[in-house]
Amino acid sequence: LGGVAGERSFARASRAPLAAWTTSTASASSDWPLGFGARPGSSRGKSTRAGALNGGGAAFNDKPKSLEVAEDAGVGSDADRARPNVLVRMALSLGGFYSTESTNQRAADRLYAAITAQCDGEAFARVFEIERSFRGEHSALVLHVWLVLRRLREEGESGKALAQTLYDTFQDDVEHRVHAEGVRVRVNKWLNELEQGFYGSALAYDNALTGGQGDLAKVLHRNVFHGTDDASNARAQRLERYVRLTLGCLAATDGKAVREGRVRFSGVE
């Protein structure tokens, strides 16, 4: 393989498999390199009117509902789209378009597009007062990738394969984001620490779901808001309600839609 595809394949082959999630003892936090701090004009750890807990945002106490996107909404399965003619289908088949690997990659791309649409949107950062920095945005991505990976656990072997592809897609994007931040020194070191941080966060979220009342909010306070101040406790409690609602919504989403990447997260305003 050459070019971008070859580089991606090499990078993916060098990573630990997603199964490491269940055995990781890595810390969920790490020291962040220069350039990863709050961006100019951002408000580190400060409340904003739009993000106030008593503001106009959703309370996240609604009944869970499916996040499935209809097949005719532009993100349907490849099999159910307008079928090309026989010759085109043969060419696509010979080129591996219908292979399990290619199908999983397209589904993973759709799932990750839904994740980034939620995390990179202004509404999510505003409502939950997420720090506008690499650290804050990465923490939001980690949380949502974990949400989807946890749902894919319920899809058996097909879900396991798709989960690995989604995780690799996420890590590919993290690498691009690190370079976009201008980091040029010890890049592999930071990427490794970010990957270990993901495992630590995912394991902490899993454990918090089976722990006592308030455990999840405490983990969110540490991992997403980085324990910046007392006010972040209240934000973490609000984010906990969103996380629990989203878990319920993903559970209510048809497995076929999840496996095809036909998912869109609910609005937060």
C-alpha atoms as a PDB file:
ATOM      1  CA  LEU A   1       0.000   0.000   0.000  1.00  0.00           C
ATOM      2  CA  GLY A   2       1.184   3.512  -0.723  1.00  0.00           C
ATOM      3  CA  GLY A   3       0.229   7.072   0.068  1.00  0.00           C
ATOM      4  CA  VAL A   4      -2.239   7.978   2.795  1.00  0.00           C
ATOM      5  CA  ALA A   5      -3.821   4.526   2.849  1.00  0.00           C
ATOM      6  CA  GLY A   6      -0.453   2.901   3.366  1.00  0.00           C
ATOM      7  CA  GLU A   7       0.514   5.322   6.134  1.00  0.00           C
ATOM      8  CA  ARG A   8      -2.819   4.735   7.858  1.00  0.00           C
ATOM      9  CA  SER A   9      -2.441   0.963   7.639  1.00  0.00           C
ATOM     10  CA  PHE A  10       1.064   1.153   9.134  1.00  0.00           C
ATOM     11  CA  ALA A  11      -0.093   3.457  11.938  1.00  0.00           C
ATOM     12  CA  ARG A  12      -3.027   1.204  12.746  1.00  0.00           C
ATOM     13  CA  ALA A  13      -0.874  -1.904  12.781  1.00  0.00           C
ATOM     14  CA  SER A  14       1.410  -0.292  15.366  1.00  0.00           C
ATOM     15  CA  ARG A  15      -1.409   0.425  17.826  1.00  0.00           C
ATOM     16  CA  ALA A  16      -2.591  -1.746  20.655  1.00  0.00           C
ATOM     17  CA  PRO A  17      -5.860  -3.551  19.851  1.00  0.00           C
ATOM     18  CA  LEU A  18      -9.034  -2.149  21.333  1.00  0.00           C
ATOM     19  CA  ALA A  19      -9.152  -5.133  23.699  1.00  0.00           C
ATOM     20  CA  ALA A  20      -6.543  -3.278  25.752  1.00  0.00           C
ATOM     21  CA  TRP A  21      -9.444  -1.145  26.979  1.00  0.00           C
ATOM     22  CA  THR A  22     -10.511  -3.893  29.364  1.00  0.00           C
ATOM     23  CA  THR A  23      -7.054  -4.377  30.850  1.00  0.00           C
ATOM     24  CA  SER A  24      -5.598  -0.880  30.865  1.00  0.00           C
ATOM     25  CA  THR A  25      -4.327   0.578  34.100  1.00  0.00           C
ATOM     26  CA  ALA A  26      -3.407   3.881  32.487  1.00  0.00           C
ATOM     27  CA  SER A  27      -4.318   7.119  34.141  1.00  0.00           C
ATOM     28  CA  ALA A  28      -7.202   9.024  32.607  1.00  0.00           C
ATOM     29  CA  SER A  29      -5.254  12.263  32.799  1.00  0.00           C
ATOM     30  CA  SER A  30      -1.860  13.365  31.565  1.00  0.00           C
ATOM     31  CA  ASP A  31       0.360  16.415  31.300  1.00  0.00           C
ATOM     32  CA  TRP A  32      -0.493  18.274  28.139  1.00  0.00           C
ATOM     33  CA  PRO A  33       2.211  19.588  25.786  1.00  0.00           C
ATOM     34  CA  LEU A  34       2.722  23.235  24.964  1.00  0.00           C
ATOM     35  CA  GLY A  35       0.143  24.524  22.535  1.00  0.00           C
ATOM     36  CA  PHE A  36      -2.645  22.400  23.988  1.00  0.00           C
ATOM     37  CA  GLY A  37      -3.923  25.087  26.356  1.00  0.00           C
ATOM     38  CA  ALA A  38      -7.012  27.223  26.048  1.00  0.00           C
ATOM     39  CA  ARG A  39      -7.233  28.990  22.688  1.00  0.00           C
ATOM     40  CA  PRO A  40      -7.260  32.800  22.431  1.00  0.00           C
ATOM     41  CA  GLY A  41     -10.652  34.155  23.380  1.00  0.00           C
ATOM     42  CA  SER A  42     -11.679  30.971  25.166  1.00  0.00           C
ATOM     43  CA  SER A  43     -12.867  30.872  28.746  1.00  0.00           C
ATOM     44  CA  ARG A  44     -10.931  28.273  30.714  1.00  0.00           C
ATOM     45  CA  GLY A  45     -13.096  26.925  33.500  1.00  0.00           C
ATOM     46  CA  LYS A  46     -15.436  29.919  33.476  1.00  0.00           C
ATOM     47  CA  SER A  47     -19.209  29.881  33.193  1.00  0.00           C
ATOM     48  CA  THR A  48     -20.981  31.436  30.246  1.00  0.00           C
ATOM     49  CA  ARG A  49     -24.531  32.626  30.225  1.00  0.00           C
ATOM     50  CA  ALA A  50     -25.593  30.242  27.467  1.00  0.00           C
ATOM     51  CA  GLY A  51     -24.074  27.322  29.320  1.00  0.00           C
ATOM     52  CA  ALA A  52     -25.575  28.089  32.717  1.00  0.00           C
ATOM     53  CA  LEU A  53     -27.288  25.112  34.292  1.00  0.00           C
ATOM     54  CA  ASN A  54     -30.485  27.071  34.806  1.00  0.00           C
ATOM     55  CA  GLY A  55     -30.420  28.483  31.306  1.00  0.00           C
ATOM     56  CA  GLY A  56     -32.442  27.470  28.268  1.00  0.00           C
ATOM     57  CA  GLY A  57     -30.609  24.225  27.582  1.00  0.00           C
ATOM     58  CA  ALA A  58     -32.247  20.826  27.653  1.00  0.00           C
ATOM     59  CA  ALA A  59     -32.673  19.166  31.052  1.00  0.00           C
ATOM     60  CA  PHE A  60     -31.799  15.720  29.629  1.00  0.00           C
ATOM     61  CA  ASN A  61     -34.525  14.055  31.647  1.00  0.00           C
ATOM     62  CA  ASP A  62     -36.500  12.935  28.603  1.00  0.00           C
ATOM     63  CA  LYS A  63     -37.375   9.359  27.773  1.00  0.00           C
ATOM     64  CA  PRO A  64     -34.642   7.760  25.603  1.00  0.00           C
ATOM     65  CA  LYS A  65     -35.446   7.563  21.910  1.00  0.00           C
ATOM     66  CA  SER A  66     -33.731   6.018  18.932  1.00  0.00           C
ATOM     67  CA  LEU A  67     -30.913   7.952  17.267  1.00  0.00           C
ATOM     68  CA  GLU A  68     -31.433   6.123  13.980  1.00  0.00           C
ATOM     69  CA  VAL A  69     -31.203   8.169  10.802  1.00  0.00           C
ATOM     70  CA  ALA A  70     -33.494   7.065   7.987  1.00  0.00           C
ATOM     71  CA  GLU A  71     -31.855   5.262   5.073  1.00  0.00           C
ATOM     72  CA  ASP A  72     -33.057   7.959   2.672  1.00  0.00           C
ATOM     73  CA  ALA A  73     -31.328  10.721   4.681  1.00  0.00           C
ATOM     74  CA  GLY A  74     -28.037  10.400   2.834  1.00  0.00           C
ATOM     75  CA  VAL A  75     -26.317   8.038   5.264  1.00  0.00           C
ATOM     76  CA  GLY A  76     -28.061   4.780   4.456  1.00  0.00           C
ATOM     77  CA  SER A  77     -26.461   1.404   3.886  1.00  0.00           C
ATOM     78  CA  ASP A  78     -24.535   0.845   0.681  1.00  0.00           C
ATOM     79  CA  ALA A  79     -26.793  -2.071  -0.231  1.00  0.00           C
ATOM     80  CA  ASP A  80     -29.950   0.034  -0.084  1.00  0.00           C
ATOM     81  CA  ARG A  81     -28.734   2.990  -2.112  1.00  0.00           C
ATOM     82  CA  ALA A  82     -29.611   3.306  -5.801  1.00  0.00           C
ATOM     83  CA  ARG A  83     -27.896   0.270  -7.230  1.00  0.00           C
ATOM     84  CA  PRO A  84     -25.355   0.806 -10.020  1.00  0.00           C
ATOM     85  CA  ASN A  85     -25.548  -1.280 -13.170  1.00  0.00           C
ATOM     86  CA  VAL A  86     -24.102  -4.762 -13.331  1.00  0.00           C
ATOM     87  CA  LEU A  87     -20.746  -3.744 -14.810  1.00  0.00           C
ATOM     88  CA  VAL A  88     -20.215  -1.059 -12.176  1.00  0.00           C
ATOM     89  CA  ARG A  89     -21.154  -3.495  -9.404  1.00  0.00           C
ATOM     90  CA  MET A  90     -18.665  -6.029 -10.766  1.00  0.00           C
ATOM     91  CA  ALA A  91     -15.927  -3.397 -10.859  1.00  0.00           C
ATOM     92  CA  LEU A  92     -16.732  -2.286  -7.315  1.00  0.00           C
ATOM     93  CA  SER A  93     -16.729  -5.875  -6.127  1.00  0.00           C
ATOM     94  CA  LEU A  94     -13.359  -6.590  -7.735  1.00  0.00           C
ATOM     95  CA  GLY A  95     -12.005  -3.428  -6.130  1.00  0.00           C
ATOM     96  CA  GLY A  96     -13.112  -4.590  -2.687  1.00  0.00           C
ATOM     97  CA  PHE A  97     -15.889  -2.007  -2.249  1.00  0.00           C
ATOM     98  CA  TYR A  98     -18.281  -4.611  -0.824  1.00  0.00           C
ATOM     99  CA  SER A  99     -15.691  -6.333   1.355  1.00  0.00           C
ATOM    100  CA  THR A 100     -16.252  -6.480   5.108  1.00  0.00           C
ATOM    101  CA  GLU A 101     -13.263  -4.230   5.697  1.00  0.00           C
ATOM    102  CA  SER A 102     -14.487  -1.550   3.282  1.00  0.00           C
ATOM    103  CA  THR A 103     -18.059  -1.766   4.536  1.00  0.00           C
ATOM    104  CA  ASN A 104     -16.888  -1.380   8.126  1.00  0.00           C
ATOM    105  CA  GLN A 105     -14.708   1.592   7.208  1.00  0.00           C
ATOM    106  CA  ARG A 106     -17.640   3.412   5.601  1.00  0.00           C
ATOM    107  CA  ALA A 107     -19.836   2.680   8.621  1.00  0.00           C
ATOM    108  CA  ALA A 108     -17.066   3.843  10.962  1.00  0.00           C
ATOM    109  CA  ASP A 109     -16.655   7.032   8.950  1.00  0.00           C
ATOM    110  CA  ARG A 110     -20.373   7.748   9.330  1.00  0.00           C
ATOM    111  CA  LEU A 111     -20.302   7.064  13.059  1.00  0.00           C
ATOM    112  CA  TYR A 112     -17.255   9.224  13.552  1.00  0.00           C
ATOM    113  CA  ALA A 113     -18.793  12.007  11.466  1.00  0.00           C
ATOM    114  CA  ALA A 114     -21.762  11.951  13.869  1.00  0.00           C
ATOM    115  CA  ILE A 115     -19.371  12.098  16.833  1.00  0.00           C
ATOM    116  CA  THR A 116     -17.380  15.042  15.494  1.00  0.00           C
ATOM    117  CA  ALA A 117     -20.541  16.877  14.468  1.00  0.00           C
ATOM    118  CA  GLN A 118     -21.662  16.717  18.105  1.00  0.00           C
ATOM    119  CA  CYS A 119     -18.310  17.429  19.768  1.00  0.00           C
ATOM    120  CA  ASP A 120     -17.004  20.097  17.419  1.00  0.00           C
ATOM    121  CA  GLY A 121     -20.299  21.968  17.340  1.00  0.00           C
ATOM    122  CA  GLU A 122     -20.587  25.257  19.179  1.00  0.00           C
ATOM    123  CA  ALA A 123     -23.768  24.166  20.954  1.00  0.00           C
ATOM    124  CA  PHE A 124     -22.163  21.276  22.845  1.00  0.00           C
ATOM    125  CA  ALA A 125     -19.238  23.371  24.078  1.00  0.00           C
ATOM    126  CA  ARG A 126     -21.561  26.219  25.035  1.00  0.00           C
ATOM    127  CA  VAL A 127     -24.187  24.212  26.893  1.00  0.00           C
ATOM    128  CA  PHE A 128     -21.692  22.141  28.883  1.00  0.00           C
ATOM    129  CA  GLU A 129     -19.031  24.871  29.064  1.00  0.00           C
ATOM    130  CA  ILE A 130     -16.353  22.659  27.604  1.00  0.00           C
ATOM    131  CA  GLU A 131     -12.930  24.265  27.548  1.00  0.00           C
ATOM    132  CA  ARG A 132     -12.200  25.462  24.010  1.00  0.00           C
ATOM    133  CA  SER A 133      -8.781  23.891  23.719  1.00  0.00           C
ATOM    134  CA  PHE A 134      -7.295  20.697  22.390  1.00  0.00           C
ATOM    135  CA  ARG A 135      -7.664  19.194  25.865  1.00  0.00           C
ATOM    136  CA  GLY A 136     -11.346  20.055  26.190  1.00  0.00           C
ATOM    137  CA  GLU A 137     -12.296  19.014  22.677  1.00  0.00           C
ATOM    138  CA  HIS A 138     -10.317  15.780  22.902  1.00  0.00           C
ATOM    139  CA  SER A 139     -12.051  14.905  26.181  1.00  0.00           C
ATOM    140  CA  ALA A 140     -15.441  15.354  24.513  1.00  0.00           C
ATOM    141  CA  LEU A 141     -14.361  13.134  21.616  1.00  0.00           C
ATOM    142  CA  VAL A 142     -13.132  10.431  23.994  1.00  0.00           C
ATOM    143  CA  LEU A 143     -16.459  10.475  25.824  1.00  0.00           C
ATOM    144  CA  HIS A 144     -18.525  10.073  22.638  1.00  0.00           C
ATOM    145  CA  VAL A 145     -16.265   7.432  21.106  1.00  0.00           C
ATOM    146  CA  TRP A 146     -16.666   5.472  24.345  1.00  0.00           C
ATOM    147  CA  LEU A 147     -20.451   5.853  24.148  1.00  0.00           C
ATOM    148  CA  VAL A 148     -20.561   4.348  20.650  1.00  0.00           C
ATOM    149  CA  LEU A 149     -18.007   1.624  21.368  1.00  0.00           C
ATOM    150  CA  ARG A 150     -20.016   0.571  24.397  1.00  0.00           C
ATOM    151  CA  ARG A 151     -23.122   0.240  22.202  1.00  0.00           C
ATOM    152  CA  LEU A 152     -21.193  -1.786  19.610  1.00  0.00           C
ATOM    153  CA  ARG A 153     -20.348  -4.341  22.298  1.00  0.00           C
ATOM    154  CA  GLU A 154     -23.970  -5.473  22.026  1.00  0.00           C
ATOM    155  CA  GLU A 155     -23.578  -6.306  18.327  1.00  0.00           C
ATOM    156  CA  GLY A 156     -21.476  -9.467  18.650  1.00  0.00           C
ATOM    157  CA  GLU A 157     -18.562 -10.210  16.339  1.00  0.00           C
ATOM    158  CA  SER A 158     -19.712  -7.740  13.667  1.00  0.00           C
ATOM    159  CA  GLY A 159     -19.869  -5.033  16.307  1.00  0.00           C
ATOM    160  CA  LYS A 160     -16.402  -5.967  17.553  1.00  0.00           C
ATOM    161  CA  ALA A 161     -14.866  -5.562  14.103  1.00  0.00           C
ATOM    162  CA  LEU A 162     -16.647  -2.259  13.511  1.00  0.00           C
ATOM    163  CA  ALA A 163     -15.600  -1.028  16.962  1.00  0.00           C
ATOM    164  CA  GLN A 164     -11.935  -1.604  16.105  1.00  0.00           C
ATOM    165  CA  THR A 165     -12.337   0.257  12.811  1.00  0.00           C
ATOM    166  CA  LEU A 166     -14.092   3.156  14.543  1.00  0.00           C
ATOM    167  CA  TYR A 167     -11.365   3.308  17.169  1.00  0.00           C
ATOM    168  CA  ASP A 168      -8.676   3.368  14.470  1.00  0.00           C
ATOM    169  CA  THR A 169     -10.556   6.129  12.641  1.00  0.00           C
ATOM    170  CA  PHE A 170     -10.673   8.122  15.863  1.00  0.00           C
ATOM    171  CA  GLN A 171      -6.937   7.684  16.455  1.00  0.00           C
ATOM    172  CA  ASP A 172      -6.178   8.702  12.863  1.00  0.00           C
ATOM    173  CA  ASP A 173      -8.102  11.921  13.485  1.00  0.00           C
ATOM    174  CA  VAL A 174      -6.339  12.502  16.812  1.00  0.00           C
ATOM    175  CA  GLU A 175      -3.010  12.365  15.006  1.00  0.00           C
ATOM    176  CA  HIS A 176      -4.207  14.950  12.494  1.00  0.00           C
ATOM    177  CA  ARG A 177      -5.460  17.186  15.312  1.00  0.00           C
ATOM    178  CA  VAL A 178      -2.162  16.951  17.171  1.00  0.00           C
ATOM    179  CA  HIS A 179      -0.281  18.033  14.053  1.00  0.00           C
ATOM    180  CA  ALA A 180      -2.813  20.828  13.492  1.00  0.00           C
ATOM    181  CA  GLU A 181      -1.971  22.146  16.966  1.00  0.00           C
ATOM    182  CA  GLY A 182       1.571  22.681  15.749  1.00  0.00           C
ATOM    183  CA  VAL A 183       3.171  19.882  17.770  1.00  0.00           C
ATOM    184  CA  ARG A 184       6.336  18.777  15.991  1.00  0.00           C
ATOM    185  CA  VAL A 185       8.480  17.438  18.832  1.00  0.00           C
ATOM    186  CA  ARG A 186       7.936  14.058  20.533  1.00  0.00           C
ATOM    187  CA  VAL A 187       4.721  13.536  18.577  1.00  0.00           C
ATOM    188  CA  ASN A 188       4.753   9.765  19.060  1.00  0.00           C
ATOM    189  CA  LYS A 189       5.158  10.236  22.797  1.00  0.00           C
ATOM    190  CA  TRP A 190       2.078  12.443  22.988  1.00  0.00           C
ATOM    191  CA  LEU A 191       0.060  10.153  20.744  1.00  0.00           C
ATOM    192  CA  ASN A 192       0.932   7.195  22.949  1.00  0.00           C
ATOM    193  CA  GLU A 193      -0.053   9.109  26.071  1.00  0.00           C
ATOM    194  CA  LEU A 194      -3.327  10.204  24.478  1.00  0.00           C
ATOM    195  CA  GLU A 195      -4.075   6.600  23.527  1.00  0.00           C
ATOM    196  CA  GLN A 196      -3.350   5.387  27.053  1.00  0.00           C
ATOM    197  CA  GLY A 197      -5.467   8.242  28.345  1.00  0.00           C
ATOM    198  CA  PHE A 198      -8.363   6.998  26.233  1.00  0.00           C
ATOM    199  CA  TYR A 199      -8.110   3.526  27.750  1.00  0.00           C
ATOM    200  CA  GLY A 200      -7.978   4.992  31.233  1.00  0.00           C
ATOM    201  CA  SER A 201     -11.017   7.198  30.609  1.00  0.00           C
ATOM    202  CA  ALA A 202     -13.050   4.415  28.991  1.00  0.00           C
ATOM    203  CA  LEU A 203     -12.328   2.052  31.857  1.00  0.00           C
ATOM    204  CA  ALA A 204     -13.194   4.759  34.384  1.00  0.00           C
ATOM    205  CA  TYR A 205     -16.518   5.441  32.635  1.00  0.00           C
ATOM    206  CA  ASP A 206     -17.348   1.724  32.569  1.00  0.00           C
ATOM    207  CA  ASN A 207     -16.576   1.356  36.254  1.00  0.00           C
ATOM    208  CA  ALA A 208     -18.560   4.466  37.141  1.00  0.00           C
ATOM    209  CA  LEU A 209     -21.696   3.044  35.532  1.00  0.00           C
ATOM    210  CA  THR A 210     -21.603   0.107  37.930  1.00  0.00           C
ATOM    211  CA  GLY A 211     -20.460   2.176  40.899  1.00  0.00           C
ATOM    212  CA  GLY A 212     -22.361   4.222  43.432  1.00  0.00           C
ATOM    213  CA  GLN A 213     -24.537   7.278  42.923  1.00  0.00           C
ATOM    214  CA  GLY A 214     -22.527  10.250  41.753  1.00  0.00           C
ATOM    215  CA  ASP A 215     -19.541   8.179  40.595  1.00  0.00           C
ATOM    216  CA  LEU A 216     -20.046   9.029  36.929  1.00  0.00           C
ATOM    217  CA  ALA A 217     -20.288  12.749  37.648  1.00  0.00           C
ATOM    218  CA  LYS A 218     -17.037  12.545  39.603  1.00  0.00           C
ATOM    219  CA  VAL A 219     -15.276  10.845  36.699  1.00  0.00           C
ATOM    220  CA  LEU A 220     -16.660  13.411  34.240  1.00  0.00           C
ATOM    221  CA  HIS A 221     -15.555  16.192  36.574  1.00  0.00           C
ATOM    222  CA  ARG A 222     -12.017  14.793  36.461  1.00  0.00           C
ATOM    223  CA  ASN A 223     -11.795  13.690  32.811  1.00  0.00           C
ATOM    224  CA  VAL A 224     -13.797  16.327  30.925  1.00  0.00           C
ATOM    225  CA  PHE A 225     -13.586  19.371  33.183  1.00  0.00           C
ATOM    226  CA  HIS A 226     -10.227  18.402  34.698  1.00  0.00           C
ATOM    227  CA  GLY A 227     -11.378  19.297  38.192  1.00  0.00           C
ATOM    228  CA  THR A 228     -10.821  22.984  37.518  1.00  0.00           C
ATOM    229  CA  ASP A 229     -13.162  24.434  40.150  1.00  0.00           C
ATOM    230  CA  ASP A 230     -16.244  23.806  42.265  1.00  0.00           C
ATOM    231  CA  ALA A 231     -18.512  25.087  39.499  1.00  0.00           C
ATOM    232  CA  SER A 232     -17.418  22.215  37.268  1.00  0.00           C
ATOM    233  CA  ASN A 233     -19.090  19.800  39.703  1.00  0.00           C
ATOM    234  CA  ALA A 234     -22.458  21.214  38.664  1.00  0.00           C
ATOM    235  CA  ARG A 235     -21.500  21.030  34.996  1.00  0.00           C
ATOM    236  CA  ALA A 236     -20.406  17.422  35.475  1.00  0.00           C
ATOM    237  CA  GLN A 237     -23.783  16.533  36.975  1.00  0.00           C
ATOM    238  CA  ARG A 238     -25.503  18.045  33.947  1.00  0.00           C
ATOM    239  CA  LEU A 239     -23.185  16.187  31.593  1.00  0.00           C
ATOM    240  CA  GLU A 240     -23.911  12.970  33.495  1.00  0.00           C
ATOM    241  CA  ARG A 241     -27.617  13.343  32.707  1.00  0.00           C
ATOM    242  CA  TYR A 242     -26.746  13.810  29.038  1.00  0.00           C
ATOM    243  CA  VAL A 243     -24.464  10.742  29.056  1.00  0.00           C
ATOM    244  CA  ARG A 244     -27.059   8.520  30.699  1.00  0.00           C
ATOM    245  CA  LEU A 245     -29.744   9.734  28.305  1.00  0.00           C
ATOM    246  CA  THR A 246     -27.473   9.122  25.320  1.00  0.00           C
ATOM    247  CA  LEU A 247     -26.678   5.611  26.543  1.00  0.00           C
ATOM    248  CA  GLY A 248     -30.413   4.960  26.695  1.00  0.00           C
ATOM    249  CA  CYS A 249     -30.933   6.418  23.226  1.00  0.00           C
ATOM    250  CA  LEU A 250     -28.161   4.277  21.746  1.00  0.00           C
ATOM    251  CA  ALA A 251     -29.651   1.199  23.432  1.00  0.00           C
ATOM    252  CA  ALA A 252     -32.990   2.065  21.806  1.00  0.00           C
ATOM    253  CA  THR A 253     -31.362   2.394  18.370  1.00  0.00           C
ATOM    254  CA  ASP A 254     -31.767  -0.562  16.037  1.00  0.00           C
ATOM    255  CA  GLY A 255     -28.623  -2.662  15.723  1.00  0.00           C
ATOM    256  CA  LYS A 256     -28.683  -2.595  11.918  1.00  0.00           C
ATOM    257  CA  ALA A 257     -28.696   1.204  11.948  1.00  0.00           C
ATOM    258  CA  VAL A 258     -25.769   1.272  14.373  1.00  0.00           C
ATOM    259  CA  ARG A 259     -23.766  -1.228  12.309  1.00  0.00           C
ATOM    260  CA  GLU A 260     -24.379   0.857   9.185  1.00  0.00           C
ATOM    261  CA  GLY A 261     -23.442   4.110  10.913  1.00  0.00           C
ATOM    262  CA  ARG A 262     -26.913   5.588  10.560  1.00  0.00           C
ATOM    263  CA  VAL A 263     -26.814   7.472  13.852  1.00  0.00           C
ATOM    264  CA  ARG A 264     -27.159  11.131  14.766  1.00  0.00           C
ATOM    265  CA  PHE A 265     -26.807  12.446  18.298  1.00  0.00           C
ATOM    266  CA  SER A 266     -29.631  14.442  19.825  1.00  0.00           C
ATOM    267  CA  GLY A 267     -29.399  18.211  20.041  1.00  0.00           C
ATOM    268  CA  VAL A 268     -28.366  19.701  23.366  1.00  0.00           C
ATOM    269  CA  GLU A 269     -30.285  22.976  23.174  1.00  0.00           C
END
